């Protein structure tokens, strides 16, 4: 008979939509904007933006780009913020270290 080997429980990584939503909300709050103000500029409904921020929607890349554009944030800024958050590292000043690494690799 085969031996049953217990699997070690590890903490699961967060879902992308949850991390994305947290950062979109943080960026919006840093600008001092309401859901309606940002949603209007992004061309989405305030309800949809709210669902994105709460991690209830799995938005398309086009929707993410629209909201980032409305917030004046680049995809690189978002990616650096998410990576730093997942690593538990403090945010890099304007993502300079990551930009340099991408420049060297590219």
PDB file of N, CA and C in Angstrom:
ATOM      1  N   UNK A   1       0.843  -1.173   0.000  1.00  0.00           N
ATOM      2  CA  UNK A   1       0.000   0.000   0.000  1.00  0.00           C
ATOM      3  C   UNK A   1       0.892   1.240   0.000  1.00  0.00           C
ATOM      4  N   UNK A   2       0.453   2.279  -0.714  1.00  0.00           N
ATOM      5  CA  UNK A   2       1.232   3.498  -0.839  1.00  0.00           C
ATOM      6  C   UNK A   2       1.192   4.302   0.457  1.00  0.00           C
ATOM      7  N   UNK A   3       2.299   4.964   0.717  1.00  0.00           N
ATOM      8  CA  UNK A   3       2.392   5.809   1.901  1.00  0.00           C
ATOM      9  C   UNK A   3       1.780   7.178   1.595  1.00  0.00           C
ATOM     10  N   UNK A   4       1.001   7.694   2.518  1.00  0.00           N
ATOM     11  CA  UNK A   4       0.406   9.015   2.358  1.00  0.00           C
ATOM     12  C   UNK A   4       1.365  10.039   2.952  1.00  0.00           C
ATOM     13  N   UNK A   5       1.778  10.968   2.124  1.00  0.00           N
ATOM     14  CA  UNK A   5       2.721  11.997   2.557  1.00  0.00           C
ATOM     15  C   UNK A   5       1.936  13.284   2.746  1.00  0.00           C
ATOM     16  N   UNK A   6       1.933  13.835   3.969  1.00  0.00           N
ATOM     17  CA  UNK A   6       1.179  15.072   4.187  1.00  0.00           C
ATOM     18  C   UNK A   6       1.833  16.244   3.463  1.00  0.00           C
ATOM     19  N   UNK A   7       1.002  17.082   2.881  1.00  0.00           N
ATOM     20  CA  UNK A   7       1.498  18.295   2.239  1.00  0.00           C
ATOM     21  C   UNK A   7       1.632  19.383   3.279  1.00  0.00           C
ATOM     22  N   UNK A   8       2.692  20.120   3.202  1.00  0.00           N
ATOM     23  CA  UNK A   8       2.890  21.229   4.133  1.00  0.00           C
ATOM     24  C   UNK A   8       2.030  22.391   3.674  1.00  0.00           C
ATOM     25  N   UNK A   9       1.317  22.934   4.613  1.00  0.00           N
ATOM     26  CA  UNK A   9       0.465  24.083   4.304  1.00  0.00           C
ATOM     27  C   UNK A   9       1.355  25.310   4.155  1.00  0.00           C
ATOM     28  N   UNK A  10       1.196  26.011   3.076  1.00  0.00           N
ATOM     29  CA  UNK A  10       1.907  27.266   2.882  1.00  0.00           C
ATOM     30  C   UNK A  10       0.888  28.360   2.637  1.00  0.00           C
ATOM     31  N   UNK A  11       1.273  29.539   3.002  1.00  0.00           N
ATOM     32  CA  UNK A  11       0.380  30.660   2.788  1.00  0.00           C
ATOM     33  C   UNK A  11       0.210  30.887   1.290  1.00  0.00           C
ATOM     34  N   UNK A  12      -1.014  30.990   0.851  1.00  0.00           N
ATOM     35  CA  UNK A  12      -1.284  31.192  -0.568  1.00  0.00           C
ATOM     36  C   UNK A  12      -0.988  32.628  -0.973  1.00  0.00           C
ATOM     37  N   UNK A  13      -0.527  32.797  -2.200  1.00  0.00           N
ATOM     38  CA  UNK A  13      -0.320  34.139  -2.735  1.00  0.00           C
ATOM     39  C   UNK A  13      -1.684  34.799  -2.910  1.00  0.00           C
ATOM     40  N   UNK A  14      -1.733  36.112  -2.759  1.00  0.00           N
ATOM     41  CA  UNK A  14      -3.008  36.800  -2.961  1.00  0.00           C
ATOM     42  C   UNK A  14      -3.404  36.762  -4.433  1.00  0.00           C
ATOM     43  N   UNK A  15      -4.672  36.933  -4.693  1.00  0.00           N
ATOM     44  CA  UNK A  15      -5.144  37.008  -6.066  1.00  0.00           C
ATOM     45  C   UNK A  15      -4.765  38.360  -6.660  1.00  0.00           C
ATOM     46  N   UNK A  16      -4.435  38.345  -7.954  1.00  0.00           N
ATOM     47  CA  UNK A  16      -4.037  39.567  -8.647  1.00  0.00           C
ATOM     48  C   UNK A  16      -5.104  40.645  -8.510  1.00  0.00           C
ATOM     49  N   UNK A  17      -6.373  40.276  -8.661  1.00  0.00           N
ATOM     50  CA  UNK A  17      -7.430  41.290  -8.624  1.00  0.00           C
ATOM     51  C   UNK A  17      -7.513  41.980  -7.268  1.00  0.00           C
ATOM     52  N   UNK A  18      -7.174  41.273  -6.184  1.00  0.00           N
ATOM     53  CA  UNK A  18      -7.187  41.896  -4.860  1.00  0.00           C
ATOM     54  C   UNK A  18      -6.038  42.883  -4.695  1.00  0.00           C
ATOM     55  N   UNK A  19      -4.855  42.480  -5.115  1.00  0.00           N
ATOM     56  CA  UNK A  19      -3.686  43.353  -4.999  1.00  0.00           C
ATOM     57  C   UNK A  19      -3.848  44.568  -5.915  1.00  0.00           C
ATOM     58  N   UNK A  20      -4.318  44.326  -7.131  1.00  0.00           N
ATOM     59  CA  UNK A  20      -4.564  45.420  -8.071  1.00  0.00           C
ATOM     60  C   UNK A  20      -5.541  46.424  -7.470  1.00  0.00           C
ATOM     61  N   UNK A  21      -6.641  45.925  -6.940  1.00  0.00           N
ATOM     62  CA  UNK A  21      -7.662  46.798  -6.369  1.00  0.00           C
ATOM     63  C   UNK A  21      -7.147  47.639  -5.223  1.00  0.00           C
ATOM     64  N   UNK A  22      -6.354  47.028  -4.343  1.00  0.00           N
ATOM     65  CA  UNK A  22      -5.785  47.773  -3.211  1.00  0.00           C
ATOM     66  C   UNK A  22      -4.930  48.930  -3.703  1.00  0.00           C
ATOM     67  N   UNK A  23      -4.140  48.682  -4.733  1.00  0.00           N
ATOM     68  CA  UNK A  23      -3.252  49.729  -5.248  1.00  0.00           C
ATOM     69  C   UNK A  23      -4.022  50.796  -6.005  1.00  0.00           C
ATOM     70  N   UNK A  24      -5.043  50.410  -6.767  1.00  0.00           N
ATOM     71  CA  UNK A  24      -5.847  51.421  -7.451  1.00  0.00           C
ATOM     72  C   UNK A  24      -6.505  52.345  -6.436  1.00  0.00           C
ATOM     73  N   UNK A  25      -7.051  51.776  -5.370  1.00  0.00           N
ATOM     74  CA  UNK A  25      -7.690  52.596  -4.338  1.00  0.00           C
ATOM     75  C   UNK A  25      -6.658  53.522  -3.683  1.00  0.00           C
ATOM     76  N   UNK A  26      -5.475  52.974  -3.372  1.00  0.00           N
ATOM     77  CA  UNK A  26      -4.430  53.785  -2.738  1.00  0.00           C
ATOM     78  C   UNK A  26      -4.027  54.947  -3.643  1.00  0.00           C
ATOM     79  N   UNK A  27      -3.819  54.670  -4.948  1.00  0.00           N
ATOM     80  CA  UNK A  27      -3.443  55.732  -5.884  1.00  0.00           C
ATOM     81  C   UNK A  27      -4.544  56.799  -5.956  1.00  0.00           C
ATOM     82  N   UNK A  28      -5.799  56.361  -5.981  1.00  0.00           N
ATOM     83  CA  UNK A  28      -6.921  57.309  -6.066  1.00  0.00           C
ATOM     84  C   UNK A  28      -6.995  58.169  -4.804  1.00  0.00           C
ATOM     85  N   UNK A  29      -6.837  57.532  -3.659  1.00  0.00           N
ATOM     86  CA  UNK A  29      -6.871  58.289  -2.398  1.00  0.00           C
ATOM     87  C   UNK A  29      -5.714  59.276  -2.316  1.00  0.00           C
ATOM     88  N   UNK A  30      -4.531  58.882  -2.791  1.00  0.00           N
ATOM     89  CA  UNK A  30      -3.382  59.789  -2.781  1.00  0.00           C
ATOM     90  C   UNK A  30      -3.658  61.041  -3.607  1.00  0.00           C
ATOM     91  N   UNK A  31      -4.472  60.898  -4.632  1.00  0.00           N
ATOM     92  CA  UNK A  31      -4.855  62.053  -5.468  1.00  0.00           C
ATOM     93  C   UNK A  31      -6.013  62.836  -4.855  1.00  0.00           C
ATOM     94  N   UNK A  32      -6.619  62.286  -3.804  1.00  0.00           N
ATOM     95  CA  UNK A  32      -7.740  62.950  -3.160  1.00  0.00           C
ATOM     96  C   UNK A  32      -9.002  62.953  -3.996  1.00  0.00           C
ATOM     97  N   UNK A  33      -9.188  61.922  -4.799  1.00  0.00           N
ATOM     98  CA  UNK A  33     -10.320  61.867  -5.713  1.00  0.00           C
ATOM     99  C   UNK A  33     -11.414  60.922  -5.231  1.00  0.00           C
ATOM    100  N   UNK A  34     -12.619  61.203  -5.697  1.00  0.00           N
ATOM    101  CA  UNK A  34     -13.739  60.302  -5.439  1.00  0.00           C
ATOM    102  C   UNK A  34     -13.777  59.232  -6.526  1.00  0.00           C
ATOM    103  N   UNK A  35     -14.543  58.190  -6.260  1.00  0.00           N
ATOM    104  CA  UNK A  35     -14.750  57.150  -7.278  1.00  0.00           C
ATOM    105  C   UNK A  35     -15.298  57.760  -8.564  1.00  0.00           C
ATOM    106  N   UNK A  36     -16.248  58.654  -8.422  1.00  0.00           N
ATOM    107  CA  UNK A  36     -16.904  59.252  -9.588  1.00  0.00           C
ATOM    108  C   UNK A  36     -15.928  60.059 -10.435  1.00  0.00           C
ATOM    109  N   UNK A  37     -15.077  60.848  -9.803  1.00  0.00           N
ATOM    110  CA  UNK A  37     -14.113  61.660 -10.552  1.00  0.00           C
ATOM    111  C   UNK A  37     -13.177  60.784 -11.378  1.00  0.00           C
ATOM    112  N   UNK A  38     -12.613  59.769 -10.743  1.00  0.00           N
ATOM    113  CA  UNK A  38     -11.675  58.887 -11.451  1.00  0.00           C
ATOM    114  C   UNK A  38     -12.398  58.063 -12.509  1.00  0.00           C
ATOM    115  N   UNK A  39     -13.565  57.538 -12.157  1.00  0.00           N
ATOM    116  CA  UNK A  39     -14.322  56.706 -13.096  1.00  0.00           C
ATOM    117  C   UNK A  39     -14.716  57.498 -14.337  1.00  0.00           C
ATOM    118  N   UNK A  40     -15.141  58.739 -14.154  1.00  0.00           N
ATOM    119  CA  UNK A  40     -15.527  59.571 -15.302  1.00  0.00           C
ATOM    120  C   UNK A  40     -14.358  59.746 -16.267  1.00  0.00           C
ATOM    121  N   UNK A  41     -13.180  60.046 -15.739  1.00  0.00           N
ATOM    122  CA  UNK A  41     -12.012  60.216 -16.610  1.00  0.00           C
ATOM    123  C   UNK A  41     -11.596  58.912 -17.273  1.00  0.00           C
ATOM    124  N   UNK A  42     -11.797  57.792 -16.588  1.00  0.00           N
ATOM    125  CA  UNK A  42     -11.407  56.494 -17.133  1.00  0.00           C
ATOM    126  C   UNK A  42     -12.441  55.950 -18.118  1.00  0.00           C
ATOM    127  N   UNK A  43     -13.641  56.512 -18.088  1.00  0.00           N
ATOM    128  CA  UNK A  43     -14.690  56.023 -18.979  1.00  0.00           C
ATOM    129  C   UNK A  43     -15.355  54.749 -18.471  1.00  0.00           C
ATOM    130  N   UNK A  44     -15.362  54.575 -17.155  1.00  0.00           N
ATOM    131  CA  UNK A  44     -16.034  53.417 -16.543  1.00  0.00           C
ATOM    132  C   UNK A  44     -17.043  53.951 -15.524  1.00  0.00           C
ATOM    133  N   UNK A  45     -17.949  53.093 -15.104  1.00  0.00           N
ATOM    134  CA  UNK A  45     -18.915  53.532 -14.099  1.00  0.00           C
ATOM    135  C   UNK A  45     -18.256  53.528 -12.719  1.00  0.00           C
ATOM    136  N   UNK A  46     -18.716  54.386 -11.828  1.00  0.00           N
ATOM    137  CA  UNK A  46     -18.191  54.358 -10.459  1.00  0.00           C
ATOM    138  C   UNK A  46     -18.389  52.990  -9.799  1.00  0.00           C
ATOM    139  N   UNK A  47     -19.498  52.324 -10.124  1.00  0.00           N
ATOM    140  CA  UNK A  47     -19.758  51.006  -9.560  1.00  0.00           C
ATOM    141  C   UNK A  47     -18.703  49.997 -10.015  1.00  0.00           C
ATOM    142  N   UNK A  48     -18.339  50.058 -11.299  1.00  0.00           N
ATOM    143  CA  UNK A  48     -17.330  49.137 -11.815  1.00  0.00           C
ATOM    144  C   UNK A  48     -15.974  49.410 -11.170  1.00  0.00           C
ATOM    145  N   UNK A  49     -15.608  50.686 -11.051  1.00  0.00           N
ATOM    146  CA  UNK A  49     -14.337  51.037 -10.412  1.00  0.00           C
ATOM    147  C   UNK A  49     -14.328  50.567  -8.963  1.00  0.00           C
ATOM    148  N   UNK A  50     -15.440  50.738  -8.279  1.00  0.00           N
ATOM    149  CA  UNK A  50     -15.544  50.276  -6.895  1.00  0.00           C
ATOM    150  C   UNK A  50     -15.330  48.765  -6.807  1.00  0.00           C
ATOM    151  N   UNK A  51     -15.928  48.029  -7.735  1.00  0.00           N
ATOM    152  CA  UNK A  51     -15.759  46.573  -7.747  1.00  0.00           C
ATOM    153  C   UNK A  51     -14.315  46.185  -8.072  1.00  0.00           C
ATOM    154  N   UNK A  52     -13.664  46.957  -8.938  1.00  0.00           N
ATOM    155  CA  UNK A  52     -12.245  46.711  -9.223  1.00  0.00           C
ATOM    156  C   UNK A  52     -11.423  46.908  -7.956  1.00  0.00           C
ATOM    157  N   UNK A  53     -11.674  48.021  -7.257  1.00  0.00           N
ATOM    158  CA  UNK A  53     -10.901  48.334  -6.059  1.00  0.00           C
ATOM    159  C   UNK A  53     -11.124  47.315  -4.944  1.00  0.00           C
ATOM    160  N   UNK A  54     -12.291  46.744  -4.891  1.00  0.00           N
ATOM    161  CA  UNK A  54     -12.585  45.746  -3.857  1.00  0.00           C
ATOM    162  C   UNK A  54     -12.185  44.330  -4.268  1.00  0.00           C
ATOM    163  N   UNK A  55     -11.614  44.191  -5.464  1.00  0.00           N
ATOM    164  CA  UNK A  55     -11.161  42.885  -5.918  1.00  0.00           C
ATOM    165  C   UNK A  55     -12.276  41.966  -6.354  1.00  0.00           C
ATOM    166  N   UNK A  56     -13.426  42.528  -6.695  1.00  0.00           N
ATOM    167  CA  UNK A  56     -14.566  41.711  -7.120  1.00  0.00           C
ATOM    168  C   UNK A  56     -14.591  41.484  -8.621  1.00  0.00           C
ATOM    169  N   UNK A  57     -13.872  42.301  -9.366  1.00  0.00           N
ATOM    170  CA  UNK A  57     -13.812  42.187 -10.823  1.00  0.00           C
ATOM    171  C   UNK A  57     -12.422  41.756 -11.240  1.00  0.00           C
ATOM    172  N   UNK A  58     -12.364  40.994 -12.307  1.00  0.00           N
ATOM    173  CA  UNK A  58     -11.099  40.614 -12.947  1.00  0.00           C
ATOM    174  C   UNK A  58     -11.045  41.456 -14.224  1.00  0.00           C
ATOM    175  N   UNK A  59     -10.575  42.706 -14.128  1.00  0.00           N
ATOM    176  CA  UNK A  59     -10.675  43.617 -15.268  1.00  0.00           C
ATOM    177  C   UNK A  59      -9.720  43.247 -16.394  1.00  0.00           C
ATOM    178  N   UNK A  60     -10.126  43.629 -17.602  1.00  0.00           N
ATOM    179  CA  UNK A  60      -9.258  43.424 -18.763  1.00  0.00           C
ATOM    180  C   UNK A  60      -8.080  44.385 -18.683  1.00  0.00           C
ATOM    181  N   UNK A  61      -7.068  44.111 -19.479  1.00  0.00           N
ATOM    182  CA  UNK A  61      -5.906  44.999 -19.494  1.00  0.00           C
ATOM    183  C   UNK A  61      -6.302  46.391 -19.985  1.00  0.00           C
ATOM    184  N   UNK A  62      -7.293  46.466 -20.870  1.00  0.00           N
ATOM    185  CA  UNK A  62      -7.763  47.757 -21.355  1.00  0.00           C
ATOM    186  C   UNK A  62      -8.409  48.567 -20.227  1.00  0.00           C
ATOM    187  N   UNK A  63      -9.171  47.893 -19.368  1.00  0.00           N
ATOM    188  CA  UNK A  63      -9.813  48.582 -18.245  1.00  0.00           C
ATOM    189  C   UNK A  63      -8.763  49.066 -17.243  1.00  0.00           C
ATOM    190  N   UNK A  64      -7.779  48.226 -16.976  1.00  0.00           N
ATOM    191  CA  UNK A  64      -6.696  48.620 -16.059  1.00  0.00           C
ATOM    192  C   UNK A  64      -5.966  49.822 -16.639  1.00  0.00           C
ATOM    193  N   UNK A  65      -5.666  49.783 -17.932  1.00  0.00           N
ATOM    194  CA  UNK A  65      -4.963  50.896 -18.574  1.00  0.00           C
ATOM    195  C   UNK A  65      -5.780  52.180 -18.506  1.00  0.00           C
ATOM    196  N   UNK A  66      -7.093  52.084 -18.683  1.00  0.00           N
ATOM    197  CA  UNK A  66      -7.949  53.267 -18.633  1.00  0.00           C
ATOM    198  C   UNK A  66      -7.921  53.897 -17.240  1.00  0.00           C
ATOM    199  N   UNK A  67      -8.010  53.075 -16.215  1.00  0.00           N
ATOM    200  CA  UNK A  67      -8.008  53.603 -14.845  1.00  0.00           C
ATOM    201  C   UNK A  67      -6.632  54.164 -14.493  1.00  0.00           C
ATOM    202  N   UNK A  68      -5.574  53.449 -14.879  1.00  0.00           N
ATOM    203  CA  UNK A  68      -4.225  53.954 -14.621  1.00  0.00           C
ATOM    204  C   UNK A  68      -4.018  55.294 -15.309  1.00  0.00           C
ATOM    205  N   UNK A  69      -4.494  55.417 -16.552  1.00  0.00           N
ATOM    206  CA  UNK A  69      -4.379  56.675 -17.279  1.00  0.00           C
ATOM    207  C   UNK A  69      -5.118  57.798 -16.568  1.00  0.00           C
ATOM    208  N   UNK A  70      -6.302  57.490 -16.069  1.00  0.00           N
ATOM    209  CA  UNK A  70      -7.089  58.498 -15.348  1.00  0.00           C
ATOM    210  C   UNK A  70      -6.393  58.935 -14.068  1.00  0.00           C
ATOM    211  N   UNK A  71      -5.612  58.039 -13.489  1.00  0.00           N
ATOM    212  CA  UNK A  71      -4.893  58.343 -12.249  1.00  0.00           C
ATOM    213  C   UNK A  71      -3.498  58.923 -12.500  1.00  0.00           C
ATOM    214  N   UNK A  72      -3.085  58.952 -13.766  1.00  0.00           N
ATOM    215  CA  UNK A  72      -1.749  59.452 -14.080  1.00  0.00           C
ATOM    216  C   UNK A  72      -0.651  58.503 -13.628  1.00  0.00           C
ATOM    217  N   UNK A  73      -0.969  57.216 -13.618  1.00  0.00           N
ATOM    218  CA  UNK A  73      -0.032  56.185 -13.169  1.00  0.00           C
ATOM    219  C   UNK A  73       0.328  55.308 -14.369  1.00  0.00           C
ATOM    220  N   UNK A  74       1.579  54.911 -14.466  1.00  0.00           N
ATOM    221  CA  UNK A  74       1.978  54.019 -15.553  1.00  0.00           C
ATOM    222  C   UNK A  74       1.844  52.565 -15.104  1.00  0.00           C
ATOM    223  N   UNK A  75       1.824  51.683 -16.071  1.00  0.00           N
ATOM    224  CA  UNK A  75       1.795  50.257 -15.767  1.00  0.00           C
ATOM    225  C   UNK A  75       3.048  49.856 -14.995  1.00  0.00           C
ATOM    226  N   UNK A  76       4.171  50.480 -15.317  1.00  0.00           N
ATOM    227  CA  UNK A  76       5.407  50.194 -14.586  1.00  0.00           C
ATOM    228  C   UNK A  76       5.283  50.621 -13.124  1.00  0.00           C
ATOM    229  N   UNK A  77       4.695  51.797 -12.879  1.00  0.00           N
ATOM    230  CA  UNK A  77       4.487  52.248 -11.498  1.00  0.00           C
ATOM    231  C   UNK A  77       3.643  51.245 -10.726  1.00  0.00           C
ATOM    232  N   UNK A  78       2.575  50.775 -11.346  1.00  0.00           N
ATOM    233  CA  UNK A  78       1.701  49.789 -10.710  1.00  0.00           C
ATOM    234  C   UNK A  78       2.453  48.494 -10.449  1.00  0.00           C
ATOM    235  N   UNK A  79       3.183  48.025 -11.442  1.00  0.00           N
ATOM    236  CA  UNK A  79       3.911  46.764 -11.318  1.00  0.00           C
ATOM    237  C   UNK A  79       4.951  46.835 -10.206  1.00  0.00           C
ATOM    238  N   UNK A  80       5.683  47.930 -10.129  1.00  0.00           N
ATOM    239  CA  UNK A  80       6.687  48.107  -9.074  1.00  0.00           C
ATOM    240  C   UNK A  80       6.012  48.128  -7.707  1.00  0.00           C
ATOM    241  N   UNK A  81       4.897  48.862  -7.599  1.00  0.00           N
ATOM    242  CA  UNK A  81       4.191  48.939  -6.314  1.00  0.00           C
ATOM    243  C   UNK A  81       3.694  47.571  -5.876  1.00  0.00           C
ATOM    244  N   UNK A  82       3.143  46.802  -6.814  1.00  0.00           N
ATOM    245  CA  UNK A  82       2.647  45.459  -6.482  1.00  0.00           C
ATOM    246  C   UNK A  82       3.809  44.554  -6.095  1.00  0.00           C
ATOM    247  N   UNK A  83       4.896  44.585  -6.869  1.00  0.00           N
ATOM    248  CA  UNK A  83       6.047  43.736  -6.564  1.00  0.00           C
ATOM    249  C   UNK A  83       6.628  44.072  -5.192  1.00  0.00           C
ATOM    250  N   UNK A  84       6.769  45.354  -4.902  1.00  0.00           N
ATOM    251  CA  UNK A  84       7.297  45.765  -3.598  1.00  0.00           C
ATOM    252  C   UNK A  84       6.374  45.310  -2.476  1.00  0.00           C
ATOM    253  N   UNK A  85       5.080  45.438  -2.695  1.00  0.00           N
ATOM    254  CA  UNK A  85       4.105  45.031  -1.695  1.00  0.00           C
ATOM    255  C   UNK A  85       4.196  43.521  -1.441  1.00  0.00           C
ATOM    256  N   UNK A  86       4.274  42.739  -2.505  1.00  0.00           N
ATOM    257  CA  UNK A  86       4.335  41.286  -2.360  1.00  0.00           C
ATOM    258  C   UNK A  86       5.640  40.835  -1.707  1.00  0.00           C
ATOM    259  N   UNK A  87       6.718  41.580  -1.973  1.00  0.00           N
ATOM    260  CA  UNK A  87       8.004  41.266  -1.357  1.00  0.00           C
ATOM    261  C   UNK A  87       8.077  41.763   0.069  1.00  0.00           C
ATOM    262  N   UNK A  88       7.215  42.718   0.408  1.00  0.00           N
ATOM    263  CA  UNK A  88       7.269  43.319   1.729  1.00  0.00           C
ATOM    264  C   UNK A  88       8.338  44.393   1.824  1.00  0.00           C
ATOM    265  N   UNK A  89       8.813  44.845   0.669  1.00  0.00           N
ATOM    266  CA  UNK A  89       9.873  45.848   0.633  1.00  0.00           C
ATOM    267  C   UNK A  89       9.262  47.238   0.559  1.00  0.00           C
ATOM    268  N   UNK A  90       9.979  48.238   1.050  1.00  0.00           N
ATOM    269  CA  UNK A  90       9.489  49.612   0.897  1.00  0.00           C
ATOM    270  C   UNK A  90       9.505  49.999  -0.571  1.00  0.00           C
ATOM    271  N   UNK A  91       8.606  50.864  -0.940  1.00  0.00           N
ATOM    272  CA  UNK A  91       8.511  51.289  -2.339  1.00  0.00           C
ATOM    273  C   UNK A  91       9.812  51.951  -2.782  1.00  0.00           C
ATOM    274  N   UNK A  92      10.226  51.636  -3.981  1.00  0.00           N
ATOM    275  CA  UNK A  92      11.422  52.236  -4.554  1.00  0.00           C
ATOM    276  C   UNK A  92      11.077  53.659  -4.986  1.00  0.00           C
ATOM    277  N   UNK A  93      12.019  54.561  -4.853  1.00  0.00           N
ATOM    278  CA  UNK A  93      11.783  55.945  -5.279  1.00  0.00           C
ATOM    279  C   UNK A  93      11.539  55.961  -6.776  1.00  0.00           C
ATOM    280  N   UNK A  94      10.296  56.203  -7.165  1.00  0.00           N
ATOM    281  CA  UNK A  94       9.850  56.276  -8.554  1.00  0.00           C
ATOM    282  C   UNK A  94      10.248  55.038  -9.350  1.00  0.00           C
ATOM    283  N   UNK A  95      10.478  53.909  -8.698  1.00  0.00           N
ATOM    284  CA  UNK A  95      10.782  52.671  -9.408  1.00  0.00           C
ATOM    285  C   UNK A  95      12.115  52.691 -10.125  1.00  0.00           C
ATOM    286  N   UNK A  96      13.041  53.555  -9.719  1.00  0.00           N
ATOM    287  CA  UNK A  96      14.309  53.717 -10.439  1.00  0.00           C
ATOM    288  C   UNK A  96      15.097  52.421 -10.522  1.00  0.00           C
ATOM    289  N   UNK A  97      15.141  51.659  -9.441  1.00  0.00           N
ATOM    290  CA  UNK A  97      15.916  50.424  -9.455  1.00  0.00           C
ATOM    291  C   UNK A  97      15.339  49.431 -10.439  1.00  0.00           C
ATOM    292  N   UNK A  98      14.015  49.312 -10.461  1.00  0.00           N
ATOM    293  CA  UNK A  98      13.384  48.370 -11.383  1.00  0.00           C
ATOM    294  C   UNK A  98      13.544  48.844 -12.812  1.00  0.00           C
ATOM    295  N   UNK A  99      13.400  50.144 -13.065  1.00  0.00           N
ATOM    296  CA  UNK A  99      13.590  50.653 -14.427  1.00  0.00           C
ATOM    297  C   UNK A  99      14.996  50.357 -14.930  1.00  0.00           C
ATOM    298  N   UNK A 100      15.984  50.537 -14.052  1.00  0.00           N
ATOM    299  CA  UNK A 100      17.364  50.260 -14.448  1.00  0.00           C
ATOM    300  C   UNK A 100      17.541  48.781 -14.774  1.00  0.00           C
ATOM    301  N   UNK A 101      16.927  47.917 -13.976  1.00  0.00           N
ATOM    302  CA  UNK A 101      17.039  46.474 -14.227  1.00  0.00           C
ATOM    303  C   UNK A 101      16.394  46.115 -15.552  1.00  0.00           C
ATOM    304  N   UNK A 102      15.233  46.696 -15.866  1.00  0.00           N
ATOM    305  CA  UNK A 102      14.575  46.413 -17.153  1.00  0.00           C
ATOM    306  C   UNK A 102      15.397  46.945 -18.302  1.00  0.00           C
ATOM    307  N   UNK A 103      16.033  48.091 -18.107  1.00  0.00           N
ATOM    308  CA  UNK A 103      16.860  48.659 -19.160  1.00  0.00           C
ATOM    309  C   UNK A 103      18.047  47.765 -19.461  1.00  0.00           C
ATOM    310  N   UNK A 104      18.671  47.204 -18.412  1.00  0.00           N
ATOM    311  CA  UNK A 104      19.824  46.330 -18.614  1.00  0.00           C
ATOM    312  C   UNK A 104      19.435  45.035 -19.299  1.00  0.00           C
ATOM    313  N   UNK A 105      18.266  44.495 -18.963  1.00  0.00           N
ATOM    314  CA  UNK A 105      17.837  43.221 -19.520  1.00  0.00           C
ATOM    315  C   UNK A 105      17.358  43.391 -20.949  1.00  0.00           C
ATOM    316  N   UNK A 106      16.665  44.496 -21.210  1.00  0.00           N
ATOM    317  CA  UNK A 106      16.052  44.717 -22.522  1.00  0.00           C
ATOM    318  C   UNK A 106      17.048  45.006 -23.572  1.00  0.00           C
TER     319      UNK A 106
END
